[in-house]
């Protein structure tokens, strides 16, 4: 009697990573990159940066919020690994907190 080699311990198949979690991590790194770029430009221009810098900041915030939504969606996927979803929650949360602190510093 031949054994089925595709089955793992106790008949469980191989689990893959959540695609939504992977997308969330990609969005987090994009948002962090935009944040780093606009911060560097603000230092170079000594605070007199053009208005498109603010527009890029809004885009980075939108990427962070979208990444957070993808992270939460990735946690709900069944039979998937949640490492990237949890990492996406942490990174996108950090991005949004950084923007919140930048906003508070403006007052």
C-alpha atoms as a PDB file:
ATOM      1  CA  UNK A   1       0.000   0.000   0.000  1.00  0.00           C
ATOM      2  CA  UNK A   2       1.627   3.251  -1.154  1.00  0.00           C
ATOM      3  CA  UNK A   3       1.504   6.309   1.057  1.00  0.00           C
ATOM      4  CA  UNK A   4       0.298   9.619  -0.235  1.00  0.00           C
ATOM      5  CA  UNK A   5       3.416  11.829  -0.015  1.00  0.00           C
ATOM      6  CA  UNK A   6       1.466  15.083  -0.396  1.00  0.00           C
ATOM      7  CA  UNK A   7      -0.097  14.732   3.026  1.00  0.00           C
ATOM      8  CA  UNK A   8       1.719  16.070   6.030  1.00  0.00           C
ATOM      9  CA  UNK A   9       1.404  15.129   9.662  1.00  0.00           C
ATOM     10  CA  UNK A  10      -2.197  14.336  10.595  1.00  0.00           C
ATOM     11  CA  UNK A  11      -3.388  14.845   7.017  1.00  0.00           C
ATOM     12  CA  UNK A  12      -2.737  18.601   6.911  1.00  0.00           C
ATOM     13  CA  UNK A  13      -1.583  20.146   3.663  1.00  0.00           C
ATOM     14  CA  UNK A  14       1.119  22.748   3.283  1.00  0.00           C
ATOM     15  CA  UNK A  15      -0.015  26.256   4.243  1.00  0.00           C
ATOM     16  CA  UNK A  16       1.091  29.246   2.215  1.00  0.00           C
ATOM     17  CA  UNK A  17       1.437  32.886   3.195  1.00  0.00           C
ATOM     18  CA  UNK A  18      -1.538  35.183   2.959  1.00  0.00           C
ATOM     19  CA  UNK A  19      -1.451  37.238  -0.253  1.00  0.00           C
ATOM     20  CA  UNK A  20      -3.172  40.124   1.492  1.00  0.00           C
ATOM     21  CA  UNK A  21      -0.450  40.089   4.148  1.00  0.00           C
ATOM     22  CA  UNK A  22       2.262  40.209   1.502  1.00  0.00           C
ATOM     23  CA  UNK A  23       0.513  43.143  -0.203  1.00  0.00           C
ATOM     24  CA  UNK A  24       0.276  44.881   3.177  1.00  0.00           C
ATOM     25  CA  UNK A  25       4.027  44.568   3.729  1.00  0.00           C
ATOM     26  CA  UNK A  26       4.747  45.912   0.252  1.00  0.00           C
ATOM     27  CA  UNK A  27       2.471  48.888   0.908  1.00  0.00           C
ATOM     28  CA  UNK A  28       4.160  49.475   4.277  1.00  0.00           C
ATOM     29  CA  UNK A  29       7.604  49.595   2.685  1.00  0.00           C
ATOM     30  CA  UNK A  30       6.327  51.931  -0.041  1.00  0.00           C
ATOM     31  CA  UNK A  31       4.793  54.199   2.571  1.00  0.00           C
ATOM     32  CA  UNK A  32       7.964  54.178   4.665  1.00  0.00           C
ATOM     33  CA  UNK A  33      10.012  54.982   1.553  1.00  0.00           C
ATOM     34  CA  UNK A  34       7.780  57.933   0.687  1.00  0.00           C
ATOM     35  CA  UNK A  35       7.952  59.144   4.297  1.00  0.00           C
ATOM     36  CA  UNK A  36      11.742  58.940   4.268  1.00  0.00           C
ATOM     37  CA  UNK A  37      11.931  60.725   0.919  1.00  0.00           C
ATOM     38  CA  UNK A  38       9.687  63.610   1.874  1.00  0.00           C
ATOM     39  CA  UNK A  39      11.451  63.976   5.214  1.00  0.00           C
ATOM     40  CA  UNK A  40      14.808  64.182   3.436  1.00  0.00           C
ATOM     41  CA  UNK A  41      13.429  66.754   0.973  1.00  0.00           C
ATOM     42  CA  UNK A  42      12.024  68.816   3.825  1.00  0.00           C
ATOM     43  CA  UNK A  43      15.479  68.888   5.444  1.00  0.00           C
ATOM     44  CA  UNK A  44      17.185  69.779   2.170  1.00  0.00           C
ATOM     45  CA  UNK A  45      14.791  72.670   1.539  1.00  0.00           C
ATOM     46  CA  UNK A  46      14.906  73.669   5.242  1.00  0.00           C
ATOM     47  CA  UNK A  47      11.162  73.475   5.638  1.00  0.00           C
ATOM     48  CA  UNK A  48      10.333  75.522   2.511  1.00  0.00           C
ATOM     49  CA  UNK A  49       9.458  72.524   0.367  1.00  0.00           C
ATOM     50  CA  UNK A  50       6.902  72.790  -2.413  1.00  0.00           C
ATOM     51  CA  UNK A  51       3.270  71.805  -1.918  1.00  0.00           C
ATOM     52  CA  UNK A  52       3.747  68.491  -3.743  1.00  0.00           C
ATOM     53  CA  UNK A  53       5.655  67.278  -0.677  1.00  0.00           C
ATOM     54  CA  UNK A  54       2.426  67.561   1.310  1.00  0.00           C
ATOM     55  CA  UNK A  55       0.585  65.729  -1.467  1.00  0.00           C
ATOM     56  CA  UNK A  56       3.101  62.915  -1.295  1.00  0.00           C
ATOM     57  CA  UNK A  57       2.536  62.787   2.454  1.00  0.00           C
ATOM     58  CA  UNK A  58      -1.195  62.335   1.902  1.00  0.00           C
ATOM     59  CA  UNK A  59      -0.443  59.544  -0.590  1.00  0.00           C
ATOM     60  CA  UNK A  60       1.807  57.848   1.981  1.00  0.00           C
ATOM     61  CA  UNK A  61      -0.942  58.074   4.611  1.00  0.00           C
ATOM     62  CA  UNK A  62      -3.416  56.542   2.147  1.00  0.00           C
ATOM     63  CA  UNK A  63      -0.931  53.715   1.443  1.00  0.00           C
ATOM     64  CA  UNK A  64      -0.603  53.108   5.191  1.00  0.00           C
ATOM     65  CA  UNK A  65      -4.366  52.928   5.688  1.00  0.00           C
ATOM     66  CA  UNK A  66      -4.761  50.640   2.678  1.00  0.00           C
ATOM     67  CA  UNK A  67      -1.941  48.439   3.980  1.00  0.00           C
ATOM     68  CA  UNK A  68      -3.642  48.218   7.354  1.00  0.00           C
ATOM     69  CA  UNK A  69      -6.854  47.081   5.667  1.00  0.00           C
ATOM     70  CA  UNK A  70      -4.954  44.425   3.690  1.00  0.00           C
ATOM     71  CA  UNK A  71      -3.295  43.249   6.917  1.00  0.00           C
ATOM     72  CA  UNK A  72      -6.584  42.799   8.699  1.00  0.00           C
ATOM     73  CA  UNK A  73      -8.033  41.034   5.667  1.00  0.00           C
ATOM     74  CA  UNK A  74      -5.005  38.711   5.609  1.00  0.00           C
ATOM     75  CA  UNK A  75      -5.609  37.686   9.218  1.00  0.00           C
ATOM     76  CA  UNK A  76      -9.092  36.491   8.298  1.00  0.00           C
ATOM     77  CA  UNK A  77      -7.932  34.174   5.489  1.00  0.00           C
ATOM     78  CA  UNK A  78      -8.361  30.545   6.440  1.00  0.00           C
ATOM     79  CA  UNK A  79      -5.566  27.976   6.241  1.00  0.00           C
ATOM     80  CA  UNK A  80      -2.918  30.616   5.562  1.00  0.00           C
ATOM     81  CA  UNK A  81       0.177  31.710   7.455  1.00  0.00           C
ATOM     82  CA  UNK A  82      -0.290  35.085   9.147  1.00  0.00           C
ATOM     83  CA  UNK A  83       3.328  36.242   9.554  1.00  0.00           C
ATOM     84  CA  UNK A  84       3.151  38.895   6.836  1.00  0.00           C
ATOM     85  CA  UNK A  85      -0.265  40.065   8.005  1.00  0.00           C
ATOM     86  CA  UNK A  86       1.049  40.660  11.525  1.00  0.00           C
ATOM     87  CA  UNK A  87       4.177  42.330  10.174  1.00  0.00           C
ATOM     88  CA  UNK A  88       1.995  44.512   7.944  1.00  0.00           C
ATOM     89  CA  UNK A  89      -0.104  45.609  10.921  1.00  0.00           C
ATOM     90  CA  UNK A  90       3.021  46.592  12.834  1.00  0.00           C
ATOM     91  CA  UNK A  91       4.720  48.439   9.964  1.00  0.00           C
ATOM     92  CA  UNK A  92       1.619  50.253   8.734  1.00  0.00           C
ATOM     93  CA  UNK A  93       0.750  51.175  12.316  1.00  0.00           C
ATOM     94  CA  UNK A  94       4.237  52.649  12.757  1.00  0.00           C
ATOM     95  CA  UNK A  95       3.832  54.662   9.545  1.00  0.00           C
ATOM     96  CA  UNK A  96       0.490  56.067  10.663  1.00  0.00           C
ATOM     97  CA  UNK A  97       1.857  56.874  14.128  1.00  0.00           C
ATOM     98  CA  UNK A  98       4.828  58.697  12.599  1.00  0.00           C
ATOM     99  CA  UNK A  99       2.517  60.810  10.469  1.00  0.00           C
ATOM    100  CA  UNK A 100       0.345  61.495  13.513  1.00  0.00           C
ATOM    101  CA  UNK A 101       3.383  62.721  15.468  1.00  0.00           C
ATOM    102  CA  UNK A 102       4.478  64.874  12.514  1.00  0.00           C
ATOM    103  CA  UNK A 103       0.969  66.339  12.458  1.00  0.00           C
ATOM    104  CA  UNK A 104       1.103  67.060  16.208  1.00  0.00           C
ATOM    105  CA  UNK A 105       4.517  68.674  15.844  1.00  0.00           C
ATOM    106  CA  UNK A 106       3.004  71.169  13.405  1.00  0.00           C
ATOM    107  CA  UNK A 107       0.847  72.687  16.143  1.00  0.00           C
END
